[in-house]
Amino acid sequence: MTHPIPESLETLLRRKATADALTAKGFPCSDKTLATKATRGGGPPYRLFGRVPLYHWGEALAWAESKLSAPRCSTSEAD
């Protein structure tokens, strides 16, 4: 089941729904990647509801946007 992009930035999402919404928004991501990043660090902030990780949609989206590079016209601009 695919999850739609939340209308509100305040929405709390489970890991799979967060990954699906990020992917639908143009940031390819899997729930397994989010799980790995939750263990190793470097992922979006999350909260626990019991044992269930919940991601604030606004924070997850801001995290994904922060990973974008500056616009480039050539691969040589990366240097």
PDB file of N, CA and C in Angstrom:
ATOM      1  N   MET A   1       0.840  -1.173   0.000  1.00  0.00           N
ATOM      2  CA  MET A   1       0.000   0.000   0.000  1.00  0.00           C
ATOM      3  C   MET A   1       0.888   1.241   0.000  1.00  0.00           C
ATOM      4  N   THR A   2       0.654   2.151  -0.904  1.00  0.00           N
ATOM      5  CA  THR A   2       1.402   3.399  -0.917  1.00  0.00           C
ATOM      6  C   THR A   2       0.665   4.433  -0.080  1.00  0.00           C
ATOM      7  N   HIS A   3       1.431   5.279   0.525  1.00  0.00           N
ATOM      8  CA  HIS A   3       0.865   6.313   1.389  1.00  0.00           C
ATOM      9  C   HIS A   3       0.944   7.647   0.663  1.00  0.00           C
ATOM     10  N   PRO A   4      -0.095   8.450   0.747  1.00  0.00           N
ATOM     11  CA  PRO A   4      -0.077   9.757   0.092  1.00  0.00           C
ATOM     12  C   PRO A   4       0.850  10.724   0.829  1.00  0.00           C
ATOM     13  N   ILE A   5       1.187  11.801   0.164  1.00  0.00           N
ATOM     14  CA  ILE A   5       1.969  12.860   0.802  1.00  0.00           C
ATOM     15  C   ILE A   5       1.031  13.570   1.784  1.00  0.00           C
ATOM     16  N   PRO A   6       1.438  13.686   3.040  1.00  0.00           N
ATOM     17  CA  PRO A   6       0.565  14.340   4.031  1.00  0.00           C
ATOM     18  C   PRO A   6       0.288  15.792   3.673  1.00  0.00           C
ATOM     19  N   GLU A   7      -0.925  16.236   3.957  1.00  0.00           N
ATOM     20  CA  GLU A   7      -1.300  17.625   3.707  1.00  0.00           C
ATOM     21  C   GLU A   7      -0.697  18.553   4.759  1.00  0.00           C
ATOM     22  N   SER A   8      -0.593  18.078   5.979  1.00  0.00           N
ATOM     23  CA  SER A   8      -0.092  18.898   7.081  1.00  0.00           C
ATOM     24  C   SER A   8       1.336  18.510   7.441  1.00  0.00           C
ATOM     25  N   LEU A   9       2.179  19.512   7.655  1.00  0.00           N
ATOM     26  CA  LEU A   9       3.553  19.262   8.097  1.00  0.00           C
ATOM     27  C   LEU A   9       3.584  18.740   9.530  1.00  0.00           C
ATOM     28  N   GLU A  10       2.467  18.847  10.240  1.00  0.00           N
ATOM     29  CA  GLU A  10       2.384  18.398  11.630  1.00  0.00           C
ATOM     30  C   GLU A  10       2.084  16.901  11.761  1.00  0.00           C
ATOM     31  N   THR A  11       1.798  16.234  10.661  1.00  0.00           N
ATOM     32  CA  THR A  11       1.402  14.825  10.681  1.00  0.00           C
ATOM     33  C   THR A  11       2.528  13.939  11.202  1.00  0.00           C
ATOM     34  N   LEU A  12       2.174  12.983  12.046  1.00  0.00           N
ATOM     35  CA  LEU A  12       3.118  11.966  12.507  1.00  0.00           C
ATOM     36  C   LEU A  12       2.920  10.717  11.655  1.00  0.00           C
ATOM     37  N   LEU A  13       4.024  10.156  11.180  1.00  0.00           N
ATOM     38  CA  LEU A  13       3.968   8.999  10.291  1.00  0.00           C
ATOM     39  C   LEU A  13       4.839   7.867  10.808  1.00  0.00           C
ATOM     40  N   ARG A  14       4.407   6.654  10.562  1.00  0.00           N
ATOM     41  CA  ARG A  14       5.241   5.496  10.843  1.00  0.00           C
ATOM     42  C   ARG A  14       6.369   5.453   9.820  1.00  0.00           C
ATOM     43  N   ARG A  15       7.346   4.620  10.051  1.00  0.00           N
ATOM     44  CA  ARG A  15       8.546   4.581   9.205  1.00  0.00           C
ATOM     45  C   ARG A  15       8.232   4.305   7.738  1.00  0.00           C
ATOM     46  N   LYS A  16       7.403   3.327   7.450  1.00  0.00           N
ATOM     47  CA  LYS A  16       7.071   2.971   6.069  1.00  0.00           C
ATOM     48  C   LYS A  16       6.334   4.118   5.384  1.00  0.00           C
ATOM     49  N   ALA A  17       5.393   4.725   6.083  1.00  0.00           N
ATOM     50  CA  ALA A  17       4.637   5.844   5.520  1.00  0.00           C
ATOM     51  C   ALA A  17       5.558   7.033   5.263  1.00  0.00           C
ATOM     52  N   THR A  18       6.531   7.255   6.146  1.00  0.00           N
ATOM     53  CA  THR A  18       7.492   8.345   5.953  1.00  0.00           C
ATOM     54  C   THR A  18       8.322   8.096   4.703  1.00  0.00           C
ATOM     55  N   ALA A  19       8.833   6.887   4.558  1.00  0.00           N
ATOM     56  CA  ALA A  19       9.634   6.550   3.376  1.00  0.00           C
ATOM     57  C   ALA A  19       8.811   6.683   2.098  1.00  0.00           C
ATOM     58  N   ASP A  20       7.581   6.216   2.122  1.00  0.00           N
ATOM     59  CA  ASP A  20       6.712   6.307   0.936  1.00  0.00           C
ATOM     60  C   ASP A  20       6.410   7.761   0.586  1.00  0.00           C
ATOM     61  N   ALA A  21       6.144   8.592   1.604  1.00  0.00           N
ATOM     62  CA  ALA A  21       5.833   9.995   1.351  1.00  0.00           C
ATOM     63  C   ALA A  21       7.060  10.740   0.828  1.00  0.00           C
ATOM     64  N   LEU A  22       8.235  10.451   1.384  1.00  0.00           N
ATOM     65  CA  LEU A  22       9.456  11.080   0.880  1.00  0.00           C
ATOM     66  C   LEU A  22       9.708  10.685  -0.573  1.00  0.00           C
ATOM     67  N   THR A  23       9.495   9.420  -0.884  1.00  0.00           N
ATOM     68  CA  THR A  23       9.675   8.945  -2.254  1.00  0.00           C
ATOM     69  C   THR A  23       8.683   9.622  -3.189  1.00  0.00           C
ATOM     70  N   ALA A  24       7.435   9.730  -2.767  1.00  0.00           N
ATOM     71  CA  ALA A  24       6.416  10.385  -3.590  1.00  0.00           C
ATOM     72  C   ALA A  24       6.732  11.864  -3.795  1.00  0.00           C
ATOM     73  N   LYS A  25       7.405  12.459  -2.841  1.00  0.00           N
ATOM     74  CA  LYS A  25       7.771  13.875  -2.925  1.00  0.00           C
ATOM     75  C   LYS A  25       9.029  14.071  -3.786  1.00  0.00           C
ATOM     76  N   GLY A  26       9.679  12.980  -4.186  1.00  0.00           N
ATOM     77  CA  GLY A  26      10.853  13.072  -5.057  1.00  0.00           C
ATOM     78  C   GLY A  26      12.167  12.756  -4.387  1.00  0.00           C
ATOM     79  N   PHE A  27      12.125  12.282  -3.152  1.00  0.00           N
ATOM     80  CA  PHE A  27      13.324  11.914  -2.411  1.00  0.00           C
ATOM     81  C   PHE A  27      13.319  10.397  -2.198  1.00  0.00           C
ATOM     82  N   PRO A  28      13.890   9.626  -3.130  1.00  0.00           N
ATOM     83  CA  PRO A  28      13.846   8.166  -3.017  1.00  0.00           C
ATOM     84  C   PRO A  28      14.415   7.687  -1.681  1.00  0.00           C
ATOM     85  N   CYS A  29      13.616   6.952  -0.959  1.00  0.00           N
ATOM     86  CA  CYS A  29      13.997   6.501   0.374  1.00  0.00           C
ATOM     87  C   CYS A  29      13.210   5.241   0.710  1.00  0.00           C
ATOM     88  N   SER A  30      13.836   4.330   1.427  1.00  0.00           N
ATOM     89  CA  SER A  30      13.120   3.134   1.862  1.00  0.00           C
ATOM     90  C   SER A  30      13.004   3.129   3.384  1.00  0.00           C
ATOM     91  N   ASP A  31      12.057   2.354   3.877  1.00  0.00           N
ATOM     92  CA  ASP A  31      11.911   2.239   5.321  1.00  0.00           C
ATOM     93  C   ASP A  31      13.136   1.583   5.942  1.00  0.00           C
ATOM     94  N   LYS A  32      13.803   0.710   5.195  1.00  0.00           N
ATOM     95  CA  LYS A  32      15.023   0.066   5.705  1.00  0.00           C
ATOM     96  C   LYS A  32      16.152   1.081   5.851  1.00  0.00           C
ATOM     97  N   THR A  33      16.228   2.021   4.928  1.00  0.00           N
ATOM     98  CA  THR A  33      17.233   3.084   5.043  1.00  0.00           C
ATOM     99  C   THR A  33      16.973   3.916   6.287  1.00  0.00           C
ATOM    100  N   LEU A  34      15.718   4.273   6.520  1.00  0.00           N
ATOM    101  CA  LEU A  34      15.386   5.051   7.715  1.00  0.00           C
ATOM    102  C   LEU A  34      15.709   4.263   8.986  1.00  0.00           C
ATOM    103  N   ALA A  35      15.464   2.960   8.972  1.00  0.00           N
ATOM    104  CA  ALA A  35      15.772   2.122  10.136  1.00  0.00           C
ATOM    105  C   ALA A  35      17.282   2.095  10.386  1.00  0.00           C
ATOM    106  N   THR A  36      18.057   1.954   9.329  1.00  0.00           N
ATOM    107  CA  THR A  36      19.515   1.955   9.464  1.00  0.00           C
ATOM    108  C   THR A  36      20.003   3.289  10.004  1.00  0.00           C
ATOM    109  N   LYS A  37      19.467   4.378   9.465  1.00  0.00           N
ATOM    110  CA  LYS A  37      19.880   5.699   9.913  1.00  0.00           C
ATOM    111  C   LYS A  37      19.438   5.963  11.353  1.00  0.00           C
ATOM    112  N   ALA A  38      18.341   5.376  11.778  1.00  0.00           N
ATOM    113  CA  ALA A  38      17.907   5.516  13.174  1.00  0.00           C
ATOM    114  C   ALA A  38      18.907   4.829  14.103  1.00  0.00           C
ATOM    115  N   THR A  39      19.538   3.761  13.621  1.00  0.00           N
ATOM    116  CA  THR A  39      20.520   3.034  14.418  1.00  0.00           C
ATOM    117  C   THR A  39      21.885   3.700  14.385  1.00  0.00           C
ATOM    118  N   ARG A  40      22.315   4.111  13.201  1.00  0.00           N
ATOM    119  CA  ARG A  40      23.674   4.635  13.008  1.00  0.00           C
ATOM    120  C   ARG A  40      23.769   6.152  13.082  1.00  0.00           C
ATOM    121  N   GLY A  41      22.637   6.829  12.968  1.00  0.00           N
ATOM    122  CA  GLY A  41      22.647   8.292  12.966  1.00  0.00           C
ATOM    123  C   GLY A  41      22.604   8.834  11.545  1.00  0.00           C
ATOM    124  N   GLY A  42      22.283  10.098  11.431  1.00  0.00           N
ATOM    125  CA  GLY A  42      22.264  10.747  10.132  1.00  0.00           C
ATOM    126  C   GLY A  42      20.901  10.821   9.480  1.00  0.00           C
ATOM    127  N   GLY A  43      19.897  10.290  10.116  1.00  0.00           N
ATOM    128  CA  GLY A  43      18.554  10.312   9.546  1.00  0.00           C
ATOM    129  C   GLY A  43      17.707  11.415  10.143  1.00  0.00           C
ATOM    130  N   PRO A  44      16.458  11.467   9.732  1.00  0.00           N
ATOM    131  CA  PRO A  44      15.561  12.476  10.300  1.00  0.00           C
ATOM    132  C   PRO A  44      15.236  12.158  11.756  1.00  0.00           C
ATOM    133  N   PRO A  45      14.923  13.173  12.542  1.00  0.00           N
ATOM    134  CA  PRO A  45      14.549  12.908  13.929  1.00  0.00           C
ATOM    135  C   PRO A  45      13.232  12.135  14.000  1.00  0.00           C
ATOM    136  N   TYR A  46      13.116  11.323  15.027  1.00  0.00           N
ATOM    137  CA  TYR A  46      11.885  10.557  15.236  1.00  0.00           C
ATOM    138  C   TYR A  46      11.598  10.475  16.721  1.00  0.00           C
ATOM    139  N   ARG A  47      10.393  10.062  17.029  1.00  0.00           N
ATOM    140  CA  ARG A  47       9.967   9.864  18.410  1.00  0.00           C
ATOM    141  C   ARG A  47       9.436   8.445  18.533  1.00  0.00           C
ATOM    142  N   LEU A  48       9.448   7.945  19.741  1.00  0.00           N
ATOM    143  CA  LEU A  48       8.883   6.618  19.967  1.00  0.00           C
ATOM    144  C   LEU A  48       7.522   6.740  20.643  1.00  0.00           C
ATOM    145  N   PHE A  49       6.577   5.991  20.122  1.00  0.00           N
ATOM    146  CA  PHE A  49       5.281   5.816  20.767  1.00  0.00           C
ATOM    147  C   PHE A  49       5.262   4.357  21.179  1.00  0.00           C
ATOM    148  N   GLY A  50       5.669   4.100  22.427  1.00  0.00           N
ATOM    149  CA  GLY A  50       5.912   2.717  22.836  1.00  0.00           C
ATOM    150  C   GLY A  50       7.161   2.252  22.099  1.00  0.00           C
ATOM    151  N   ARG A  51       7.010   1.241  21.265  1.00  0.00           N
ATOM    152  CA  ARG A  51       8.129   0.737  20.473  1.00  0.00           C
ATOM    153  C   ARG A  51       8.065   1.188  19.021  1.00  0.00           C
ATOM    154  N   VAL A  52       7.060   1.983  18.686  1.00  0.00           N
ATOM    155  CA  VAL A  52       6.835   2.387  17.298  1.00  0.00           C
ATOM    156  C   VAL A  52       7.496   3.739  17.024  1.00  0.00           C
ATOM    157  N   PRO A  53       8.449   3.792  16.070  1.00  0.00           N
ATOM    158  CA  PRO A  53       9.038   5.082  15.714  1.00  0.00           C
ATOM    159  C   PRO A  53       8.065   5.907  14.868  1.00  0.00           C
ATOM    160  N   LEU A  54       7.914   7.170  15.235  1.00  0.00           N
ATOM    161  CA  LEU A  54       7.047   8.089  14.502  1.00  0.00           C
ATOM    162  C   LEU A  54       7.868   9.286  14.049  1.00  0.00           C
ATOM    163  N   TYR A  55       7.685   9.648  12.794  1.00  0.00           N
ATOM    164  CA  TYR A  55       8.399  10.772  12.197  1.00  0.00           C
ATOM    165  C   TYR A  55       7.434  11.927  11.979  1.00  0.00           C
ATOM    166  N   HIS A  56       7.841  13.105  12.377  1.00  0.00           N
ATOM    167  CA  HIS A  56       7.092  14.323  12.128  1.00  0.00           C
ATOM    168  C   HIS A  56       7.334  14.662  10.663  1.00  0.00           C
ATOM    169  N   TRP A  57       6.273  14.750   9.854  1.00  0.00           N
ATOM    170  CA  TRP A  57       6.421  14.931   8.420  1.00  0.00           C
ATOM    171  C   TRP A  57       7.258  16.167   8.066  1.00  0.00           C
ATOM    172  N   GLY A  58       7.027  17.268   8.738  1.00  0.00           N
ATOM    173  CA  GLY A  58       7.780  18.490   8.462  1.00  0.00           C
ATOM    174  C   GLY A  58       9.268  18.315   8.704  1.00  0.00           C
ATOM    175  N   GLU A  59       9.627  17.610   9.768  1.00  0.00           N
ATOM    176  CA  GLU A  59      11.033  17.378  10.080  1.00  0.00           C
ATOM    177  C   GLU A  59      11.670  16.409   9.091  1.00  0.00           C
ATOM    178  N   ALA A  60      10.930  15.375   8.704  1.00  0.00           N
ATOM    179  CA  ALA A  60      11.458  14.412   7.731  1.00  0.00           C
ATOM    180  C   ALA A  60      11.680  15.077   6.376  1.00  0.00           C
ATOM    181  N   LEU A  61      10.748  15.920   5.972  1.00  0.00           N
ATOM    182  CA  LEU A  61      10.874  16.627   4.708  1.00  0.00           C
ATOM    183  C   LEU A  61      12.042  17.616   4.758  1.00  0.00           C
ATOM    184  N   ALA A  62      12.192  18.324   5.860  1.00  0.00           N
ATOM    185  CA  ALA A  62      13.319  19.254   6.014  1.00  0.00           C
ATOM    186  C   ALA A  62      14.643  18.506   5.973  1.00  0.00           C
ATOM    187  N   TRP A  63      14.701  17.323   6.591  1.00  0.00           N
ATOM    188  CA  TRP A  63      15.909  16.507   6.558  1.00  0.00           C
ATOM    189  C   TRP A  63      16.252  16.130   5.116  1.00  0.00           C
ATOM    190  N   ALA A  64      15.262  15.672   4.363  1.00  0.00           N
ATOM    191  CA  ALA A  64      15.501  15.267   2.975  1.00  0.00           C
ATOM    192  C   ALA A  64      15.967  16.458   2.139  1.00  0.00           C
ATOM    193  N   GLU A  65      15.326  17.597   2.315  1.00  0.00           N
ATOM    194  CA  GLU A  65      15.703  18.790   1.556  1.00  0.00           C
ATOM    195  C   GLU A  65      17.115  19.239   1.905  1.00  0.00           C
ATOM    196  N   SER A  66      17.539  19.016   3.141  1.00  0.00           N
ATOM    197  CA  SER A  66      18.892  19.413   3.558  1.00  0.00           C
ATOM    198  C   SER A  66      19.966  18.555   2.898  1.00  0.00           C
ATOM    199  N   LYS A  67      19.581  17.410   2.371  1.00  0.00           N
ATOM    200  CA  LYS A  67      20.536  16.509   1.721  1.00  0.00           C
ATOM    201  C   LYS A  67      20.766  16.872   0.254  1.00  0.00           C
ATOM    202  N   LEU A  68      19.983  17.796  -0.286  1.00  0.00           N
ATOM    203  CA  LEU A  68      20.147  18.203  -1.679  1.00  0.00           C
ATOM    204  C   LEU A  68      21.411  19.034  -1.842  1.00  0.00           C
ATOM    205  N   SER A  69      22.098  18.829  -2.953  1.00  0.00           N
ATOM    206  CA  SER A  69      23.262  19.655  -3.266  1.00  0.00           C
ATOM    207  C   SER A  69      22.781  20.963  -3.893  1.00  0.00           C
ATOM    208  N   ALA A  70      23.704  21.874  -4.050  1.00  0.00           N
ATOM    209  CA  ALA A  70      23.400  23.102  -4.782  1.00  0.00           C
ATOM    210  C   ALA A  70      23.182  22.735  -6.248  1.00  0.00           C
ATOM    211  N   PRO A  71      22.434  23.543  -6.987  1.00  0.00           N
ATOM    212  CA  PRO A  71      22.212  23.249  -8.417  1.00  0.00           C
ATOM    213  C   PRO A  71      23.538  23.193  -9.174  1.00  0.00           C
ATOM    214  N   ARG A  72      23.618  22.264 -10.122  1.00  0.00           N
ATOM    215  CA  ARG A  72      24.827  22.080 -10.937  1.00  0.00           C
ATOM    216  C   ARG A  72      24.464  22.042 -12.402  1.00  0.00           C
ATOM    217  N   CYS A  73      25.382  22.487 -13.225  1.00  0.00           N
ATOM    218  CA  CYS A  73      25.226  22.394 -14.673  1.00  0.00           C
ATOM    219  C   CYS A  73      26.159  21.350 -15.258  1.00  0.00           C
ATOM    220  N   SER A  74      27.088  20.858 -14.443  1.00  0.00           N
ATOM    221  CA  SER A  74      28.097  19.921 -14.923  1.00  0.00           C
ATOM    222  C   SER A  74      28.598  19.076 -13.780  1.00  0.00           C
ATOM    223  N   THR A  75      29.025  17.847 -14.059  1.00  0.00           N
ATOM    224  CA  THR A  75      29.602  16.998 -13.020  1.00  0.00           C
ATOM    225  C   THR A  75      30.921  17.550 -12.523  1.00  0.00           C
ATOM    226  N   SER A  76      31.614  18.360 -13.325  1.00  0.00           N
ATOM    227  CA  SER A  76      32.893  18.935 -12.900  1.00  0.00           C
ATOM    228  C   SER A  76      32.707  20.006 -11.818  1.00  0.00           C
ATOM    229  N   GLU A  77      31.504  20.486 -11.626  1.00  0.00           N
ATOM    230  CA  GLU A  77      31.243  21.487 -10.596  1.00  0.00           C
ATOM    231  C   GLU A  77      31.292  20.888  -9.198  1.00  0.00           C
ATOM    232  N   ALA A  78      31.296  19.594  -9.069  1.00  0.00           N
ATOM    233  CA  ALA A  78      31.311  18.947  -7.766  1.00  0.00           C
ATOM    234  C   ALA A  78      32.648  19.120  -7.063  1.00  0.00           C
ATOM    235  N   ASP A  79      33.702  19.390  -7.807  1.00  0.00           N
ATOM    236  CA  ASP A  79      35.045  19.517  -7.221  1.00  0.00           C
ATOM    237  C   ASP A  79      35.222  20.759  -6.410  1.00  0.00           C
TER     238      ASP A  79
END
